């Protein structure tokens, strides 16, 4: 039988490769057989995603939850189509890697240091600030620098920063390169099952593509099921975009993902961000979810 011809073109922008349900889709045909022609575009930093949505260069953005909330707070009319990766009590998910020789071990050791994050105001930045605040350290005493995760290893090696906050698959690559050590398992210090990454779009695009969104979600569900039963093949699919050494990619754990995001889980982020003075107004999480 001939394959179903893809008719609807959707461009998806992502600043990371943790969403295995998405990256398995094109290679395994989950989108194509549903009549979707999905093109994945890698974006350097999370803060670049909202402008790309508004500008129309991408249709769907896979962005961190804090980046999404900051865009809403700034007046952009964006919505959540589905959830993706969530926080988990797993050592490999979110870690802080310190440069060799820095002797960083406690929260107080970061005071006055320069720490690289994959986007000012993005998920890793907010969660690290959450941990510092919980430990009694004012996040304002740390010099945060925006660095894309593919550049973190070289930046650590050059000794231009003291530490980076990273996630898989880049965290393992950095550690394997021998340019730093694990100073903090951040995933152990934060609540589990909070939506780290979301599939988002403008409300106008979502209103016009209701059927496509439903089909897109179906493909993601199949991709998520596939990544659970075929992790090795999924890693190969992810590495088309991550471009890591095969021996490193084989060690990467598939990040936990929850597609059905709940309003109360989104609200946790807005509460944390308001405490960090990153939001200027109350945001109704329920109004942001596309049914």
C-alpha atoms as a PDB file:
ATOM      1  CA  UNK A   1       0.000   0.000   0.000  1.00  0.00           C
ATOM      2  CA  UNK A   2       1.166   3.511  -0.767  1.00  0.00           C
ATOM      3  CA  UNK A   3       1.859   5.754   2.229  1.00  0.00           C
ATOM      4  CA  UNK A   4      -0.600   8.522   3.050  1.00  0.00           C
ATOM      5  CA  UNK A   5       0.464  11.731   1.356  1.00  0.00           C
ATOM      6  CA  UNK A   6       1.342  14.446   3.857  1.00  0.00           C
ATOM      7  CA  UNK A   7      -0.871  17.465   3.234  1.00  0.00           C
ATOM      8  CA  UNK A   8      -0.506  19.758   6.254  1.00  0.00           C
ATOM      9  CA  UNK A   9       2.903  21.326   6.775  1.00  0.00           C
ATOM     10  CA  UNK A  10       3.865  22.206  10.347  1.00  0.00           C
ATOM     11  CA  UNK A  11       7.186  23.720  11.382  1.00  0.00           C
ATOM     12  CA  UNK A  12       8.179  22.964  14.969  1.00  0.00           C
ATOM     13  CA  UNK A  13      10.938  24.925  16.690  1.00  0.00           C
ATOM     14  CA  UNK A  14      12.825  23.500  19.667  1.00  0.00           C
ATOM     15  CA  UNK A  15      15.779  24.664  21.754  1.00  0.00           C
ATOM     16  CA  UNK A  16      16.483  21.170  23.147  1.00  0.00           C
ATOM     17  CA  UNK A  17      16.117  17.485  22.341  1.00  0.00           C
ATOM     18  CA  UNK A  18      14.466  16.128  25.504  1.00  0.00           C
ATOM     19  CA  UNK A  19      11.064  15.671  23.821  1.00  0.00           C
ATOM     20  CA  UNK A  20      11.576  12.153  22.489  1.00  0.00           C
ATOM     21  CA  UNK A  21       7.924  11.870  21.428  1.00  0.00           C
ATOM     22  CA  UNK A  22       8.548  14.663  18.915  1.00  0.00           C
ATOM     23  CA  UNK A  23      11.930  13.604  17.578  1.00  0.00           C
ATOM     24  CA  UNK A  24      10.870  10.016  16.984  1.00  0.00           C
ATOM     25  CA  UNK A  25       7.936  11.207  14.876  1.00  0.00           C
ATOM     26  CA  UNK A  26       9.550  12.101  11.528  1.00  0.00           C
ATOM     27  CA  UNK A  27      11.905   9.115  11.396  1.00  0.00           C
ATOM     28  CA  UNK A  28       9.278   6.568  12.420  1.00  0.00           C
ATOM     29  CA  UNK A  29       6.492   7.999  10.245  1.00  0.00           C
ATOM     30  CA  UNK A  30       4.112   8.879  13.084  1.00  0.00           C
ATOM     31  CA  UNK A  31       3.318  12.281  11.556  1.00  0.00           C
ATOM     32  CA  UNK A  32       3.355  11.305   7.906  1.00  0.00           C
ATOM     33  CA  UNK A  33       0.812   8.516   8.230  1.00  0.00           C
ATOM     34  CA  UNK A  34      -1.576  11.032   9.807  1.00  0.00           C
ATOM     35  CA  UNK A  35      -1.256  13.487   6.953  1.00  0.00           C
ATOM     36  CA  UNK A  36       1.221  15.836   8.625  1.00  0.00           C
ATOM     37  CA  UNK A  37       4.491  17.047   7.136  1.00  0.00           C
ATOM     38  CA  UNK A  38       6.399  18.068  10.284  1.00  0.00           C
ATOM     39  CA  UNK A  39       9.703  19.880   9.943  1.00  0.00           C
ATOM     40  CA  UNK A  40      11.748  20.297  13.137  1.00  0.00           C
ATOM     41  CA  UNK A  41      13.969  23.367  13.378  1.00  0.00           C
ATOM     42  CA  UNK A  42      16.548  23.680  16.143  1.00  0.00           C
ATOM     43  CA  UNK A  43      16.564  27.116  17.818  1.00  0.00           C
ATOM     44  CA  UNK A  44      19.642  28.286  19.726  1.00  0.00           C
ATOM     45  CA  UNK A  45      17.972  29.568  22.932  1.00  0.00           C
ATOM     46  CA  UNK A  46      14.529  29.327  24.540  1.00  0.00           C
ATOM     47  CA  UNK A  47      13.962  33.130  24.576  1.00  0.00           C
ATOM     48  CA  UNK A  48      14.223  33.066  20.780  1.00  0.00           C
ATOM     49  CA  UNK A  49      11.119  30.862  20.482  1.00  0.00           C
ATOM     50  CA  UNK A  50       8.281  33.330  21.265  1.00  0.00           C
ATOM     51  CA  UNK A  51       9.474  35.844  18.630  1.00  0.00           C
ATOM     52  CA  UNK A  52       9.759  33.000  16.127  1.00  0.00           C
ATOM     53  CA  UNK A  53       6.124  32.056  16.823  1.00  0.00           C
ATOM     54  CA  UNK A  54       4.890  35.621  16.505  1.00  0.00           C
ATOM     55  CA  UNK A  55       6.959  36.187  13.378  1.00  0.00           C
ATOM     56  CA  UNK A  56       5.513  33.086  11.749  1.00  0.00           C
ATOM     57  CA  UNK A  57       8.815  31.344  11.062  1.00  0.00           C
ATOM     58  CA  UNK A  58       7.565  28.397  13.146  1.00  0.00           C
ATOM     59  CA  UNK A  59       4.043  27.144  13.888  1.00  0.00           C
ATOM     60  CA  UNK A  60       4.681  25.269  17.142  1.00  0.00           C
ATOM     61  CA  UNK A  61       7.378  25.981  19.709  1.00  0.00           C
ATOM     62  CA  UNK A  62       8.700  23.425  22.185  1.00  0.00           C
ATOM     63  CA  UNK A  63       9.682  25.850  24.930  1.00  0.00           C
ATOM     64  CA  UNK A  64      10.316  25.757  28.644  1.00  0.00           C
ATOM     65  CA  UNK A  65       7.396  26.663  30.887  1.00  0.00           C
ATOM     66  CA  UNK A  66       9.050  29.812  32.353  1.00  0.00           C
ATOM     67  CA  UNK A  67       9.786  31.138  28.847  1.00  0.00           C
ATOM     68  CA  UNK A  68       6.125  30.577  28.016  1.00  0.00           C
ATOM     69  CA  UNK A  69       4.909  32.413  31.134  1.00  0.00           C
ATOM     70  CA  UNK A  70       7.245  35.339  30.527  1.00  0.00           C
ATOM     71  CA  UNK A  71       5.888  35.639  26.991  1.00  0.00           C
ATOM     72  CA  UNK A  72       2.324  35.679  28.367  1.00  0.00           C
ATOM     73  CA  UNK A  73       3.323  38.240  31.007  1.00  0.00           C
ATOM     74  CA  UNK A  74       4.803  40.355  28.213  1.00  0.00           C
ATOM     75  CA  UNK A  75       1.501  40.466  26.389  1.00  0.00           C
ATOM     76  CA  UNK A  76       1.852  37.674  23.822  1.00  0.00           C
ATOM     77  CA  UNK A  77      -1.263  35.585  23.208  1.00  0.00           C
ATOM     78  CA  UNK A  78       0.168  32.059  23.333  1.00  0.00           C
ATOM     79  CA  UNK A  79      -1.448  28.766  24.337  1.00  0.00           C
ATOM     80  CA  UNK A  80      -0.385  25.261  25.373  1.00  0.00           C
ATOM     81  CA  UNK A  81      -1.135  22.464  22.914  1.00  0.00           C
ATOM     82  CA  UNK A  82       0.393  19.633  24.968  1.00  0.00           C
ATOM     83  CA  UNK A  83       2.928  18.910  27.666  1.00  0.00           C
ATOM     84  CA  UNK A  84       6.347  17.394  27.155  1.00  0.00           C
ATOM     85  CA  UNK A  85       9.162  16.649  29.607  1.00  0.00           C
ATOM     86  CA  UNK A  86       8.532  16.988  33.348  1.00  0.00           C
ATOM     87  CA  UNK A  87      10.753  17.264  36.392  1.00  0.00           C
ATOM     88  CA  UNK A  88      11.734  13.919  37.868  1.00  0.00           C
ATOM     89  CA  UNK A  89      13.761  12.534  40.750  1.00  0.00           C
ATOM     90  CA  UNK A  90      16.357  11.110  38.394  1.00  0.00           C
ATOM     91  CA  UNK A  91      20.049  12.058  38.719  1.00  0.00           C
ATOM     92  CA  UNK A  92      20.585  12.536  35.007  1.00  0.00           C
ATOM     93  CA  UNK A  93      17.765  14.969  34.281  1.00  0.00           C
ATOM     94  CA  UNK A  94      18.897  18.336  35.648  1.00  0.00           C
ATOM     95  CA  UNK A  95      22.390  18.818  37.028  1.00  0.00           C
ATOM     96  CA  UNK A  96      24.867  21.594  37.739  1.00  0.00           C
ATOM     97  CA  UNK A  97      28.377  21.008  36.424  1.00  0.00           C
ATOM     98  CA  UNK A  98      31.227  23.037  37.907  1.00  0.00           C
ATOM     99  CA  UNK A  99      34.535  23.656  36.179  1.00  0.00           C
ATOM    100  CA  UNK A 100      37.497  21.708  37.504  1.00  0.00           C
ATOM    101  CA  UNK A 101      39.311  23.557  40.251  1.00  0.00           C
ATOM    102  CA  UNK A 102      36.394  25.778  41.300  1.00  0.00           C
ATOM    103  CA  UNK A 103      35.696  23.794  44.494  1.00  0.00           C
ATOM    104  CA  UNK A 104      31.956  24.475  44.278  1.00  0.00           C
ATOM    105  CA  UNK A 105      29.841  22.191  46.461  1.00  0.00           C
ATOM    106  CA  UNK A 106      27.297  24.176  48.507  1.00  0.00           C
ATOM    107  CA  UNK A 107      24.801  26.914  47.644  1.00  0.00           C
ATOM    108  CA  UNK A 108      27.032  29.517  49.312  1.00  0.00           C
ATOM    109  CA  UNK A 109      29.895  28.523  46.989  1.00  0.00           C
ATOM    110  CA  UNK A 110      28.025  30.021  44.018  1.00  0.00           C
ATOM    111  CA  UNK A 111      27.996  33.533  45.472  1.00  0.00           C
ATOM    112  CA  UNK A 112      30.031  35.822  43.226  1.00  0.00           C
ATOM    113  CA  UNK A 113      30.442  33.091  40.611  1.00  0.00           C
ATOM    114  CA  UNK A 114      29.500  33.131  36.934  1.00  0.00           C
ATOM    115  CA  UNK A 115      26.940  30.419  36.058  1.00  0.00           C
ATOM    116  CA  UNK A 116      25.808  29.542  32.536  1.00  0.00           C
ATOM    117  CA  UNK A 117      22.132  28.796  31.885  1.00  0.00           C
ATOM    118  CA  UNK A 118      20.396  27.897  28.588  1.00  0.00           C
ATOM    119  CA  UNK A 119      18.355  31.091  28.532  1.00  0.00           C
ATOM    120  CA  UNK A 120      17.839  33.825  31.115  1.00  0.00           C
ATOM    121  CA  UNK A 121      14.395  33.179  32.559  1.00  0.00           C
ATOM    122  CA  UNK A 122      14.199  29.699  31.037  1.00  0.00           C
ATOM    123  CA  UNK A 123      13.468  26.504  32.992  1.00  0.00           C
ATOM    124  CA  UNK A 124      16.944  25.674  34.243  1.00  0.00           C
ATOM    125  CA  UNK A 125      17.529  29.254  35.327  1.00  0.00           C
ATOM    126  CA  UNK A 126      14.273  29.386  37.313  1.00  0.00           C
ATOM    127  CA  UNK A 127      14.803  25.991  38.952  1.00  0.00           C
ATOM    128  CA  UNK A 128      18.371  26.803  39.977  1.00  0.00           C
ATOM    129  CA  UNK A 129      17.193  30.120  41.444  1.00  0.00           C
ATOM    130  CA  UNK A 130      14.419  28.179  43.241  1.00  0.00           C
ATOM    131  CA  UNK A 131      17.058  25.929  44.844  1.00  0.00           C
ATOM    132  CA  UNK A 132      19.301  28.862  45.820  1.00  0.00           C
ATOM    133  CA  UNK A 133      16.379  30.650  47.458  1.00  0.00           C
ATOM    134  CA  UNK A 134      15.411  27.446  49.289  1.00  0.00           C
ATOM    135  CA  UNK A 135      18.993  27.207  50.578  1.00  0.00           C
ATOM    136  CA  UNK A 136      18.952  30.786  51.834  1.00  0.00           C
ATOM    137  CA  UNK A 137      21.133  32.274  49.093  1.00  0.00           C
ATOM    138  CA  UNK A 138      20.025  35.401  47.230  1.00  0.00           C
ATOM    139  CA  UNK A 139      20.084  34.523  43.493  1.00  0.00           C
ATOM    140  CA  UNK A 140      20.975  38.148  42.811  1.00  0.00           C
ATOM    141  CA  UNK A 141      24.465  37.437  44.148  1.00  0.00           C
ATOM    142  CA  UNK A 142      25.194  35.071  41.254  1.00  0.00           C
ATOM    143  CA  UNK A 143      26.222  36.303  37.802  1.00  0.00           C
ATOM    144  CA  UNK A 144      24.063  34.371  35.334  1.00  0.00           C
ATOM    145  CA  UNK A 145      25.168  34.132  31.703  1.00  0.00           C
ATOM    146  CA  UNK A 146      23.058  32.911  28.794  1.00  0.00           C
ATOM    147  CA  UNK A 147      24.799  30.030  26.975  1.00  0.00           C
ATOM    148  CA  UNK A 148      23.295  27.482  24.614  1.00  0.00           C
ATOM    149  CA  UNK A 149      23.797  23.910  25.828  1.00  0.00           C
ATOM    150  CA  UNK A 150      25.885  22.801  22.814  1.00  0.00           C
ATOM    151  CA  UNK A 151      28.391  25.547  23.766  1.00  0.00           C
ATOM    152  CA  UNK A 152      28.571  24.758  27.477  1.00  0.00           C
ATOM    153  CA  UNK A 153      31.352  22.172  27.293  1.00  0.00           C
ATOM    154  CA  UNK A 154      33.715  24.500  25.414  1.00  0.00           C
ATOM    155  CA  UNK A 155      32.862  27.429  27.673  1.00  0.00           C
ATOM    156  CA  UNK A 156      33.678  25.375  30.780  1.00  0.00           C
ATOM    157  CA  UNK A 157      36.904  24.176  29.196  1.00  0.00           C
ATOM    158  CA  UNK A 158      37.921  27.777  28.460  1.00  0.00           C
ATOM    159  CA  UNK A 159      37.385  28.652  32.166  1.00  0.00           C
ATOM    160  CA  UNK A 160      35.294  31.700  31.230  1.00  0.00           C
ATOM    161  CA  UNK A 161      32.489  30.547  33.550  1.00  0.00           C
ATOM    162  CA  UNK A 162      32.492  28.662  36.835  1.00  0.00           C
ATOM    163  CA  UNK A 163      29.501  26.343  36.342  1.00  0.00           C
ATOM    164  CA  UNK A 164      26.628  25.480  34.000  1.00  0.00           C
ATOM    165  CA  UNK A 165      23.090  24.206  34.556  1.00  0.00           C
ATOM    166  CA  UNK A 166      22.486  21.450  32.000  1.00  0.00           C
ATOM    167  CA  UNK A 167      20.116  18.660  31.018  1.00  0.00           C
ATOM    168  CA  UNK A 168      20.442  15.548  28.928  1.00  0.00           C
ATOM    169  CA  UNK A 169      21.760  14.748  26.426  1.00  0.00           C
ATOM    170  CA  UNK A 170      24.263  17.592  26.830  1.00  0.00           C
ATOM    171  CA  UNK A 171      25.029  16.984  30.515  1.00  0.00           C
ATOM    172  CA  UNK A 172      26.529  13.551  29.806  1.00  0.00           C
ATOM    173  CA  UNK A 173      28.541  14.961  26.933  1.00  0.00           C
ATOM    174  CA  UNK A 174      30.029  17.654  29.147  1.00  0.00           C
ATOM    175  CA  UNK A 175      30.934  15.190  31.899  1.00  0.00           C
ATOM    176  CA  UNK A 176      32.356  12.695  29.396  1.00  0.00           C
ATOM    177  CA  UNK A 177      34.639  15.422  28.081  1.00  0.00           C
ATOM    178  CA  UNK A 178      36.314  15.672  31.485  1.00  0.00           C
ATOM    179  CA  UNK A 179      35.985  19.460  31.709  1.00  0.00           C
ATOM    180  CA  UNK A 180      33.964  19.567  34.903  1.00  0.00           C
ATOM    181  CA  UNK A 181      32.344  17.613  37.708  1.00  0.00           C
ATOM    182  CA  UNK A 182      28.781  17.174  38.961  1.00  0.00           C
ATOM    183  CA  UNK A 183      28.384  19.775  41.702  1.00  0.00           C
ATOM    184  CA  UNK A 184      24.638  19.412  42.238  1.00  0.00           C
ATOM    185  CA  UNK A 185      21.882  16.999  41.226  1.00  0.00           C
ATOM    186  CA  UNK A 186      19.237  19.672  40.818  1.00  0.00           C
ATOM    187  CA  UNK A 187      16.508  17.135  40.035  1.00  0.00           C
ATOM    188  CA  UNK A 188      16.819  15.823  43.622  1.00  0.00           C
ATOM    189  CA  UNK A 189      16.052  19.268  45.022  1.00  0.00           C
ATOM    190  CA  UNK A 190      12.860  20.187  43.160  1.00  0.00           C
ATOM    191  CA  UNK A 191       9.318  18.744  43.083  1.00  0.00           C
ATOM    192  CA  UNK A 192       8.646  15.969  40.582  1.00  0.00           C
ATOM    193  CA  UNK A 193       6.122  15.967  37.730  1.00  0.00           C
ATOM    194  CA  UNK A 194       6.181  19.703  37.081  1.00  0.00           C
ATOM    195  CA  UNK A 195       5.924  20.514  33.343  1.00  0.00           C
ATOM    196  CA  UNK A 196       9.380  21.572  32.237  1.00  0.00           C
ATOM    197  CA  UNK A 197       8.652  21.860  28.514  1.00  0.00           C
ATOM    198  CA  UNK A 198       5.451  22.641  26.596  1.00  0.00           C
ATOM    199  CA  UNK A 199       4.237  22.453  23.000  1.00  0.00           C
ATOM    200  CA  UNK A 200       2.972  25.980  22.379  1.00  0.00           C
ATOM    201  CA  UNK A 201       1.508  28.109  19.592  1.00  0.00           C
ATOM    202  CA  UNK A 202      -0.170  31.440  19.086  1.00  0.00           C
ATOM    203  CA  UNK A 203      -3.846  31.397  19.977  1.00  0.00           C
ATOM    204  CA  UNK A 204      -4.677  32.545  16.433  1.00  0.00           C
ATOM    205  CA  UNK A 205      -2.844  29.565  14.900  1.00  0.00           C
ATOM    206  CA  UNK A 206      -4.439  27.149  17.370  1.00  0.00           C
ATOM    207  CA  UNK A 207      -7.933  28.488  16.602  1.00  0.00           C
ATOM    208  CA  UNK A 208      -7.383  27.804  12.899  1.00  0.00           C
ATOM    209  CA  UNK A 209      -5.810  24.343  13.262  1.00  0.00           C
ATOM    210  CA  UNK A 210      -7.953  22.452  15.756  1.00  0.00           C
ATOM    211  CA  UNK A 211      -8.034  19.235  13.708  1.00  0.00           C
ATOM    212  CA  UNK A 212      -4.293  19.388  13.014  1.00  0.00           C
ATOM    213  CA  UNK A 213      -3.587  19.829  16.728  1.00  0.00           C
ATOM    214  CA  UNK A 214      -5.642  16.742  17.580  1.00  0.00           C
ATOM    215  CA  UNK A 215      -3.754  14.700  14.981  1.00  0.00           C
ATOM    216  CA  UNK A 216      -0.421  16.123  16.161  1.00  0.00           C
ATOM    217  CA  UNK A 217      -1.225  15.007  19.713  1.00  0.00           C
ATOM    218  CA  UNK A 218      -2.103  11.511  18.492  1.00  0.00           C
ATOM    219  CA  UNK A 219       1.291  11.286  16.796  1.00  0.00           C
ATOM    220  CA  UNK A 220       3.007  12.452  19.989  1.00  0.00           C
ATOM    221  CA  UNK A 221       1.226   9.740  21.981  1.00  0.00           C
ATOM    222  CA  UNK A 222       2.475   7.105  19.573  1.00  0.00           C
ATOM    223  CA  UNK A 223       5.940   8.624  19.728  1.00  0.00           C
ATOM    224  CA  UNK A 224       5.885   8.530  23.512  1.00  0.00           C
ATOM    225  CA  UNK A 225       4.810   4.891  23.515  1.00  0.00           C
ATOM    226  CA  UNK A 226       7.524   4.079  20.987  1.00  0.00           C
ATOM    227  CA  UNK A 227      10.231   5.770  23.069  1.00  0.00           C
ATOM    228  CA  UNK A 228       9.169   3.681  26.058  1.00  0.00           C
ATOM    229  CA  UNK A 229       9.464   0.355  24.208  1.00  0.00           C
ATOM    230  CA  UNK A 230      12.258   1.227  21.752  1.00  0.00           C
ATOM    231  CA  UNK A 231      14.680   3.472  23.674  1.00  0.00           C
ATOM    232  CA  UNK A 232      17.742   2.609  21.574  1.00  0.00           C
ATOM    233  CA  UNK A 233      16.014   3.430  18.290  1.00  0.00           C
ATOM    234  CA  UNK A 234      14.589   6.575  19.870  1.00  0.00           C
ATOM    235  CA  UNK A 235      18.091   7.696  20.835  1.00  0.00           C
ATOM    236  CA  UNK A 236      19.133   7.305  17.197  1.00  0.00           C
ATOM    237  CA  UNK A 237      16.170   9.429  16.134  1.00  0.00           C
ATOM    238  CA  UNK A 238      17.010  12.119  18.702  1.00  0.00           C
ATOM    239  CA  UNK A 239      20.642  12.170  17.652  1.00  0.00           C
ATOM    240  CA  UNK A 240      19.705  13.260  14.143  1.00  0.00           C
ATOM    241  CA  UNK A 241      19.202  16.627  15.856  1.00  0.00           C
ATOM    242  CA  UNK A 242      21.413  16.385  18.979  1.00  0.00           C
ATOM    243  CA  UNK A 243      24.460  15.320  16.945  1.00  0.00           C
ATOM    244  CA  UNK A 244      26.308  13.752  19.881  1.00  0.00           C
ATOM    245  CA  UNK A 245      28.978  11.037  19.653  1.00  0.00           C
ATOM    246  CA  UNK A 246      27.124   7.690  19.364  1.00  0.00           C
ATOM    247  CA  UNK A 247      28.862   6.266  22.437  1.00  0.00           C
ATOM    248  CA  UNK A 248      27.604   9.222  24.483  1.00  0.00           C
ATOM    249  CA  UNK A 249      24.079   9.081  23.078  1.00  0.00           C
ATOM    250  CA  UNK A 250      23.771   5.416  24.042  1.00  0.00           C
ATOM    251  CA  UNK A 251      24.072   6.347  27.716  1.00  0.00           C
ATOM    252  CA  UNK A 252      21.349   8.996  27.652  1.00  0.00           C
ATOM    253  CA  UNK A 253      18.144   8.274  29.560  1.00  0.00           C
ATOM    254  CA  UNK A 254      14.836   9.084  27.877  1.00  0.00           C
ATOM    255  CA  UNK A 255      13.339  12.049  29.725  1.00  0.00           C
ATOM    256  CA  UNK A 256       9.949  11.450  31.427  1.00  0.00           C
ATOM    257  CA  UNK A 257       7.129  13.198  29.572  1.00  0.00           C
ATOM    258  CA  UNK A 258       3.480  13.947  30.322  1.00  0.00           C
ATOM    259  CA  UNK A 259       1.365  15.102  27.375  1.00  0.00           C
ATOM    260  CA  UNK A 260      -1.769  16.018  29.360  1.00  0.00           C
ATOM    261  CA  UNK A 261      -0.736  19.123  31.270  1.00  0.00           C
ATOM    262  CA  UNK A 262      -2.909  20.084  34.244  1.00  0.00           C
ATOM    263  CA  UNK A 263      -3.707  23.701  35.227  1.00  0.00           C
ATOM    264  CA  UNK A 264      -2.478  23.234  38.802  1.00  0.00           C
ATOM    265  CA  UNK A 265       0.917  22.042  37.568  1.00  0.00           C
ATOM    266  CA  UNK A 266       1.251  25.125  35.371  1.00  0.00           C
ATOM    267  CA  UNK A 267       0.201  27.292  38.304  1.00  0.00           C
ATOM    268  CA  UNK A 268       3.149  25.980  40.359  1.00  0.00           C
ATOM    269  CA  UNK A 269       5.504  27.656  37.906  1.00  0.00           C
ATOM    270  CA  UNK A 270       3.695  30.976  37.957  1.00  0.00           C
ATOM    271  CA  UNK A 271       3.823  30.981  41.786  1.00  0.00           C
ATOM    272  CA  UNK A 272       7.578  30.288  41.761  1.00  0.00           C
ATOM    273  CA  UNK A 273       8.214  32.941  39.130  1.00  0.00           C
ATOM    274  CA  UNK A 274       6.193  35.566  41.002  1.00  0.00           C
ATOM    275  CA  UNK A 275       8.284  34.869  44.097  1.00  0.00           C
ATOM    276  CA  UNK A 276      11.372  35.480  41.953  1.00  0.00           C
ATOM    277  CA  UNK A 277       9.844  38.731  40.646  1.00  0.00           C
ATOM    278  CA  UNK A 278       9.814  37.379  37.096  1.00  0.00           C
ATOM    279  CA  UNK A 279       6.095  38.010  36.508  1.00  0.00           C
ATOM    280  CA  UNK A 280       4.185  41.257  36.914  1.00  0.00           C
ATOM    281  CA  UNK A 281       0.624  39.909  37.074  1.00  0.00           C
ATOM    282  CA  UNK A 282      -1.522  36.925  37.965  1.00  0.00           C
ATOM    283  CA  UNK A 283      -2.028  34.459  35.097  1.00  0.00           C
ATOM    284  CA  UNK A 284      -4.978  32.076  34.803  1.00  0.00           C
ATOM    285  CA  UNK A 285      -3.384  28.784  33.781  1.00  0.00           C
ATOM    286  CA  UNK A 286      -6.718  27.237  32.779  1.00  0.00           C
ATOM    287  CA  UNK A 287      -7.227  29.802  30.012  1.00  0.00           C
ATOM    288  CA  UNK A 288      -3.890  28.837  28.450  1.00  0.00           C
ATOM    289  CA  UNK A 289      -4.683  25.181  27.729  1.00  0.00           C
ATOM    290  CA  UNK A 290      -6.131  24.161  24.359  1.00  0.00           C
ATOM    291  CA  UNK A 291      -8.675  21.367  24.826  1.00  0.00           C
END
